[in-house]
Every structure is written in C-alpha cells, then in structure tokens.
Protein backbone atom coordinates (compact mmCIF):
# COMPACT_ATOMS: atom_id res chain seq x y z
CA MET A 1 69.42 93.07 117.99
CA THR A 2 72.77 91.53 116.93
CA SER A 3 73.37 91.94 113.41
CA PRO A 4 73.88 88.69 111.47
CA ALA A 5 78.27 87.62 111.24
CA PRO A 6 79.60 88.54 108.00
CA ILE A 7 80.49 85.49 105.33
CA GLN A 8 84.23 85.56 105.60
CA VAL A 9 86.70 83.78 103.40
CA ARG A 10 90.52 83.17 104.09
CA VAL A 11 92.95 81.89 102.00
CA THR A 12 96.91 81.52 102.62
CA HIS A 13 99.69 81.86 100.52
CA ARG A 14 103.31 81.64 100.74
CA PHE A 15 105.61 83.76 98.80
CA LYS A 16 109.37 83.72 98.12
CA ALA A 17 109.35 87.44 98.04
CA SER A 18 110.20 89.67 100.88
CA ALA A 19 107.22 90.80 103.02
CA GLU A 20 108.39 94.72 102.63
CA ARG A 21 108.38 93.58 98.33
CA VAL A 22 105.01 91.86 98.57
CA PHE A 23 102.89 94.90 100.65
CA ASP A 24 104.46 97.48 98.16
CA ALA A 25 103.76 95.59 94.80
CA TRP A 26 99.75 95.96 96.43
CA LEU A 27 99.88 99.26 96.15
CA ASP A 28 101.73 99.86 92.93
CA PRO A 29 99.19 100.66 89.94
CA GLU A 30 101.31 99.08 87.36
CA LYS A 31 101.98 96.03 89.39
CA ALA A 32 98.04 95.52 90.49
CA ARG A 33 96.72 95.89 86.76
CA GLN A 34 98.89 92.69 86.22
CA TRP A 35 97.27 90.36 88.48
CA LEU A 36 94.76 92.13 90.68
CA PHE A 37 91.17 91.53 90.00
CA THR A 38 92.13 90.77 86.44
CA THR A 39 91.99 87.59 84.07
CA ARG A 40 93.22 87.13 80.22
CA ALA A 41 88.90 87.44 79.51
CA THR A 42 89.19 90.80 81.44
CA PRO A 43 92.19 92.69 81.22
CA LEU A 44 92.42 95.67 83.60
CA VAL A 45 92.35 98.64 81.51
CA ARG A 46 92.50 101.39 84.30
CA ALA A 47 94.54 101.49 87.79
CA GLU A 48 94.57 104.26 90.28
CA ILE A 49 95.88 103.82 93.48
CA ASP A 50 96.10 106.40 96.33
CA ALA A 51 98.25 104.66 98.84
CA ARG A 52 97.14 106.48 101.89
CA VAL A 53 94.72 105.49 104.71
CA GLY A 54 91.50 107.13 103.74
CA GLY A 55 92.69 106.78 99.83
CA ILE A 56 90.59 105.21 97.44
CA PHE A 57 91.67 102.84 94.51
CA ARG A 58 89.88 102.22 91.17
CA LEU A 59 90.93 99.34 89.06
CA SER A 60 88.74 98.66 85.78
CA ASP A 61 88.03 95.77 83.59
CA LEU A 62 86.75 95.45 80.42
CA ARG A 63 83.65 93.24 80.20
CA ASP A 64 81.66 93.14 76.47
CA GLY A 65 83.43 96.35 75.54
CA GLU A 66 82.08 98.37 79.12
CA GLU A 67 84.15 99.20 81.81
CA VAL A 68 83.58 97.37 85.28
CA GLU A 69 85.15 99.11 88.07
CA HIS A 70 86.52 97.79 91.45
CA THR A 71 86.92 100.11 94.21
CA GLY A 72 87.75 100.65 97.86
CA LYS A 73 89.04 102.48 100.24
CA TYR A 74 92.30 102.10 102.47
CA LEU A 75 91.33 101.64 106.20
CA GLU A 76 94.64 100.84 107.54
CA LEU A 77 98.23 100.28 106.21
CA ASP A 78 100.98 99.18 108.35
CA ARG A 79 103.89 98.27 105.99
CA PRO A 80 104.84 95.59 106.01
CA ARG A 81 103.09 93.77 108.04
CA ARG A 82 98.52 94.80 106.97
CA LEU A 83 96.61 95.97 104.87
CA VAL A 84 92.87 96.52 105.33
CA PHE A 85 90.67 97.86 102.73
CA THR A 86 86.78 98.13 101.70
CA PHE A 87 86.02 96.54 97.81
CA GLY A 88 83.16 96.87 95.58
CA VAL A 89 82.00 96.40 92.46
CA PRO A 90 79.41 99.24 92.15
CA LYS A 91 78.08 98.01 88.80
CA TYR A 92 77.00 94.87 90.54
CA SER A 93 75.92 95.52 94.22
CA PRO A 94 75.88 98.93 96.45
CA ASP A 95 77.47 96.60 98.91
CA TYR A 96 81.00 97.02 100.14
CA ASP A 97 83.18 94.44 101.71
CA ARG A 98 86.47 94.60 103.91
CA VAL A 99 89.56 92.84 102.99
CA THR A 100 92.15 92.20 105.80
CA VAL A 101 95.67 91.64 104.14
CA ASP A 102 98.28 90.00 106.65
CA ILE A 103 101.38 89.44 106.18
CA VAL A 104 104.33 87.59 107.99
CA ALA A 105 107.73 88.03 107.30
CA LEU A 106 109.30 84.41 107.34
CA ASP A 107 113.03 82.99 107.12
CA SER A 108 112.58 83.25 103.10
CA GLY A 109 109.75 85.02 101.99
CA CYS A 110 106.87 85.29 103.68
CA GLU A 111 103.13 84.29 104.14
CA VAL A 112 99.96 86.10 103.41
CA THR A 113 96.57 85.22 105.00
CA LEU A 114 93.68 87.43 103.29
CA THR A 115 90.67 87.44 104.83
CA HIS A 116 87.42 88.76 102.92
CA GLU A 117 84.63 89.68 104.82
CA MET A 118 81.18 89.42 102.63
CA SER A 119 77.90 90.52 103.82
CA PRO A 120 75.37 87.85 105.72
CA ASN A 121 73.57 87.28 102.42
CA ALA A 122 76.45 86.67 100.32
CA GLU A 123 76.69 82.78 101.04
CA GLN A 124 76.46 81.92 97.70
CA TYR A 125 80.14 83.64 96.77
CA ARG A 126 81.98 82.32 99.28
CA ASP A 127 83.35 79.34 97.27
CA GLY A 128 83.87 81.43 94.24
CA ALA A 129 85.66 84.14 96.28
CA GLN A 130 87.83 81.73 97.79
CA LYS A 131 88.60 80.11 94.57
CA GLU A 132 89.32 83.53 92.82
CA TRP A 133 91.57 84.85 95.66
CA ALA A 134 93.65 81.81 95.67
CA ARG A 135 94.16 82.02 91.59
CA LEU A 136 94.69 85.67 92.30
CA LEU A 137 97.64 84.84 95.03
CA GLY A 138 98.91 82.43 92.79
CA ASN A 139 99.31 84.74 89.83
CA PHE A 140 100.54 87.79 92.26
CA ASP A 141 103.38 85.55 93.38
CA ALA A 142 104.54 84.40 89.90
CA LEU A 143 104.83 88.11 89.01
CA LEU A 144 107.28 88.62 91.88
CA GLY A 145 109.04 85.74 91.06
CA GLY A 146 107.79 82.83 92.98
CA ASP A 147 106.95 79.15 91.55
CA SER A 148 103.41 79.76 90.69
CA ARG A 149 102.35 79.89 87.11
CA PHE A 150 102.03 83.45 85.62
CA VAL A 151 100.26 84.36 82.58
CA PRO A 152 100.48 88.45 82.06
CA HIS A 153 97.38 90.12 81.37
CA GLY A 154 96.74 93.19 79.03
C-alpha cells in the first residue's frame, strides 16, 4: 500500500547577499535567534545549533511565559547550495516535517527556494506555513542587508 504524499509548501525569495553568506547565516545561532521561528510576540530565548549532518538544533521562543521548542536534525549540509533538516515543535505535535533549502548563486546575490514537506494530514496548515516562511525569509533578507523591512526581535 502506498503512503499518501506529503503536503508541500514552497517559497522562493531572492537575496542580495551571496549564497555563502545566506547558507552560513542559517547555521549561526546569533543570526537565527533574530529571524528564525520568531516574532515580536514570541522572541527566541534559546538558540542552539550543532551545524553538522546528524547535528540538532533547538530554538525556543517564549509564549505566555513558557518556552516552546522548535527542534530538528540536519540531514544534509552542502555549502553553499543546500540544507535539509527535520523540523518539529514537540509541544504541539510528535510529528517531524522535512525542510529543504536550495540556494542558487546569481550574478547579484542568490535565490532561495524553501520546500517544507508536512504530513499528509496537515492540509489545514499549508497556507499558514507558506505565509510564515515568506515572512521569515523577508526578515532574514533584511537582517542580511536586503530591501525587505526588518524589525529586530529580542
């Protein structure tokens, strides 16, 4: 019996920063704490990144006085072209998704295509995930000096 296909969310964003700079910033805990899985209402209070295949990351935000952990394991790190990692928020679900970040160098900057694969029963989260990744990549771009408006958190 064939398993149902995962729900896929795909977001593409062009950065003025180089592919190397974008790749490295994904794995830098100080940069990640400023943009990844964070909002003004939910600042990151912890950012731990073990940037190697098999290494894990733990990023925790604060919601109503309680830490909520976003965690995963790096499956592939191919600098500066590709990152693949699992992603989950154990407080809300035991499931782990798969996120692939493909980075293509351009004459001026780079283009990132992020593909988030969720479980087949996650259809109701598709639109929200797409909007959230687009927002996060916009903040990431601004952090790196692009044109998007960046509002620092924390």
